[in-house]
Amino acid sequence: MFNNLLLTVVSDDKPGIVEEIAKAVAEHEGNWLESRLAQLGGKFAGVVHVAVPQDQESAVREALNALKSKSIWINIEEYTASSDASSSQALASFSAVGPDRPGIVREITQAFTSHQINVAEIETSLSSMPYSGEPLFEAEGVLQLPAELDMQDLQDTLNTIADSLGMDISLTKND
């Protein structure tokens, strides 16, 4: 029987971080199931879902915790299928593009929360507008929609935000 663990990883960015984690899991007969890992601002961060044999869980935890000596910090949590709500909800994709300013993520996610929408994924970036070089904010992500959601009401809310911020915000329900 296997136990599922969710690993939250943070480290200064350097070669070998993923290898060290994978080695600790594999040496104890564990299986790397899924992950989201990224380098951002000189740091490396991510989340990894692994399955480990019950009789190896203590050894895996010890091996992962030992990576602190290499400045790889890992938080380990039990993972249960009931904590994965994504399979029962409709999904939508969104994107937002426009001039950067403080508070954009707060305003957009506040609208999602007010409609009981869960943000399943979000990726943001900052670049430069063509010709002017002004900062350009971009976001895209995946949303988990409640069954009773009024899509038109949500779109109206997002349009109001887009107008006030001078942005384009699009929403597409995934079928």
Protein backbone atom coordinates (compact mmCIF):
# COMPACT_ATOMS: atom_id res chain seq x y z
CA MET A 1 0.00 0.00 0.00
CA PHE A 2 1.19 3.52 -0.86
CA ASN A 3 0.84 6.81 0.96
CA ASN A 4 0.55 10.03 -1.01
CA LEU A 5 2.63 13.00 0.07
CA LEU A 6 2.55 16.59 -1.12
CA LEU A 7 5.96 18.29 -1.03
CA THR A 8 6.30 22.07 -1.04
CA VAL A 9 9.82 23.02 -2.12
CA VAL A 10 11.74 26.30 -1.78
CA SER A 11 15.44 26.87 -2.42
CA ASP A 12 17.86 29.32 -3.93
CA ASP A 13 17.92 28.47 -7.63
CA LYS A 14 20.83 26.19 -8.52
CA PRO A 15 21.44 23.07 -10.59
CA GLY A 16 20.47 19.73 -9.05
CA ILE A 17 17.48 20.59 -6.87
CA VAL A 18 15.00 18.42 -8.75
CA GLU A 19 17.55 15.60 -8.96
CA GLU A 20 18.11 15.66 -5.19
CA ILE A 21 14.37 15.44 -4.48
CA ALA A 22 13.83 12.73 -7.13
CA LYS A 23 16.77 10.74 -5.74
CA ALA A 24 15.38 10.84 -2.18
CA VAL A 25 12.00 9.62 -3.44
CA ALA A 26 13.33 6.95 -5.81
CA GLU A 27 15.84 5.51 -3.31
CA HIS A 28 12.88 4.64 -1.10
CA GLU A 29 10.76 3.08 -3.87
CA GLY A 30 8.60 6.17 -4.21
CA ASN A 31 6.89 7.32 -7.38
CA TRP A 32 6.90 10.95 -8.62
CA LEU A 33 3.29 11.50 -9.77
CA GLU A 34 2.92 15.18 -10.68
CA SER A 35 4.56 18.51 -10.05
CA ARG A 36 4.59 22.23 -10.70
CA LEU A 37 8.08 23.66 -10.38
CA ALA A 38 9.53 27.02 -11.40
CA GLN A 39 12.44 29.41 -11.05
CA LEU A 40 11.33 32.87 -10.04
CA GLY A 41 13.33 35.82 -8.81
CA GLY A 42 16.46 33.78 -8.12
CA LYS A 43 14.51 31.20 -6.12
CA PHE A 44 13.27 27.76 -7.05
CA ALA A 45 9.84 26.78 -5.78
CA GLY A 46 7.21 24.21 -6.43
CA VAL A 47 4.83 21.51 -5.37
CA VAL A 48 5.37 17.79 -5.95
CA HIS A 49 2.91 14.91 -5.44
CA VAL A 50 4.62 11.59 -4.72
CA ALA A 51 3.45 8.12 -3.69
CA VAL A 52 5.63 6.13 -1.30
CA PRO A 53 5.26 2.64 0.16
CA GLN A 54 3.88 2.84 3.70
CA ASP A 55 6.90 1.04 5.11
CA GLN A 56 9.22 3.61 3.46
CA GLU A 57 7.39 6.80 4.43
CA SER A 58 9.51 7.56 7.50
CA ALA A 59 12.72 7.00 5.54
CA VAL A 60 11.52 9.23 2.67
CA ARG A 61 10.57 11.97 5.11
CA GLU A 62 13.98 11.72 6.75
CA ALA A 63 15.80 11.84 3.40
CA LEU A 64 13.78 14.85 2.23
CA ASN A 65 14.28 16.69 5.52
CA ALA A 66 18.03 16.01 5.27
CA LEU A 67 18.08 18.18 2.12
CA LYS A 68 17.96 21.21 4.45
CA SER A 69 21.73 20.72 4.74
CA LYS A 70 21.85 21.59 1.02
CA SER A 71 19.54 24.61 1.57
CA ILE A 72 16.56 22.83 -0.02
CA TRP A 73 13.57 23.39 2.25
CA ILE A 74 10.71 20.89 1.88
CA ASN A 75 7.40 20.90 3.72
CA ILE A 76 5.76 17.46 3.66
CA GLU A 77 2.00 16.93 4.00
CA GLU A 78 -0.31 13.95 3.68
CA TYR A 79 -2.24 14.05 0.42
CA THR A 80 -5.70 12.56 0.08
CA ALA A 81 -7.90 12.22 -2.98
CA SER A 82 -10.65 14.14 -1.17
CA SER A 83 -8.42 17.23 -1.23
CA ASP A 84 -8.56 17.18 -5.05
CA ALA A 85 -11.86 18.91 -5.92
CA SER A 86 -10.94 19.70 -9.52
CA SER A 87 -12.50 16.59 -11.03
CA SER A 88 -16.05 17.51 -9.98
CA GLN A 89 -16.13 21.13 -11.13
CA ALA A 90 -16.38 22.83 -14.50
CA LEU A 91 -13.25 24.62 -15.62
CA ALA A 92 -12.61 27.93 -17.37
CA SER A 93 -9.49 29.64 -18.65
CA PHE A 94 -8.83 33.33 -18.20
CA SER A 95 -6.25 35.82 -19.39
CA ALA A 96 -5.59 39.44 -18.52
CA VAL A 97 -3.26 41.84 -20.32
CA GLY A 98 -2.68 45.52 -19.75
CA PRO A 99 -0.57 48.27 -18.24
CA ASP A 100 1.00 47.26 -14.96
CA ARG A 101 0.02 48.86 -11.68
CA PRO A 102 -0.27 47.66 -8.05
CA GLY A 103 -3.41 45.72 -7.14
CA ILE A 104 -4.29 43.98 -10.43
CA VAL A 105 -4.10 40.43 -9.04
CA ARG A 106 -6.07 41.46 -5.94
CA GLU A 107 -8.88 43.03 -7.98
CA ILE A 108 -9.23 40.10 -10.37
CA THR A 109 -9.03 37.40 -7.70
CA GLN A 110 -11.43 39.36 -5.48
CA ALA A 111 -13.98 39.12 -8.31
CA PHE A 112 -13.38 35.37 -8.58
CA THR A 113 -13.80 34.89 -4.83
CA SER A 114 -17.02 36.93 -4.77
CA HIS A 115 -18.43 34.43 -7.32
CA GLN A 116 -17.18 31.42 -5.29
CA ILE A 117 -14.60 30.57 -7.98
CA ASN A 118 -11.44 28.71 -7.05
CA VAL A 119 -8.20 29.67 -8.83
CA ALA A 120 -6.68 26.29 -9.79
CA GLU A 121 -3.68 27.80 -11.61
CA ILE A 122 -2.39 31.28 -12.21
CA GLU A 123 0.76 32.48 -13.92
CA THR A 124 1.69 36.13 -14.09
CA SER A 125 4.50 37.97 -15.81
CA LEU A 126 5.75 41.46 -16.43
CA SER A 127 7.23 42.56 -19.74
CA SER A 128 7.42 45.76 -21.77
CA MET A 129 4.82 47.20 -24.12
CA PRO A 130 5.96 47.39 -27.74
CA TYR A 131 7.22 50.82 -28.82
CA SER A 132 6.66 52.61 -25.48
CA GLY A 133 8.55 50.24 -23.18
CA GLU A 134 5.99 50.80 -20.43
CA PRO A 135 5.48 47.82 -18.05
CA LEU A 136 2.95 45.29 -19.37
CA PHE A 137 1.21 42.93 -16.94
CA GLU A 138 0.01 39.55 -18.18
CA ALA A 139 -1.86 36.81 -16.32
CA GLU A 140 -3.41 33.55 -17.37
CA GLY A 141 -4.91 30.72 -15.43
CA VAL A 142 -7.46 28.02 -14.88
CA LEU A 143 -10.54 28.45 -12.72
CA GLN A 144 -12.81 25.91 -11.02
CA LEU A 145 -16.39 27.10 -11.45
CA PRO A 146 -19.28 26.39 -9.08
CA ALA A 147 -22.29 24.72 -10.70
CA GLU A 148 -24.61 27.65 -9.94
CA LEU A 149 -22.35 30.31 -11.46
CA ASP A 150 -24.00 32.97 -13.63
CA MET A 151 -21.37 33.32 -16.38
CA GLN A 152 -22.86 36.57 -17.69
CA ASP A 153 -22.72 38.15 -14.21
CA LEU A 154 -19.06 37.11 -13.90
CA GLN A 155 -18.26 38.46 -17.37
CA ASP A 156 -19.94 41.77 -16.48
CA THR A 157 -17.83 42.00 -13.31
CA LEU A 158 -14.63 41.26 -15.25
CA ASN A 159 -15.56 43.83 -17.92
CA THR A 160 -16.01 46.48 -15.23
CA ILE A 161 -12.57 45.66 -13.81
CA ALA A 162 -11.01 45.62 -17.29
CA ASP A 163 -12.50 49.04 -18.07
CA SER A 164 -11.27 50.55 -14.80
CA LEU A 165 -7.74 49.15 -15.27
CA GLY A 166 -7.48 49.72 -19.03
CA MET A 167 -6.93 45.99 -19.59
CA ASP A 168 -8.25 43.15 -21.68
CA ILE A 169 -9.65 40.32 -19.56
CA SER A 170 -11.03 37.26 -21.31
CA LEU A 171 -12.80 34.22 -19.94
CA THR A 172 -13.45 30.95 -21.79
CA LYS A 173 -15.40 28.08 -20.30
CA ASN A 174 -13.67 24.75 -20.98
CA ASP A 175 -16.15 22.15 -22.24
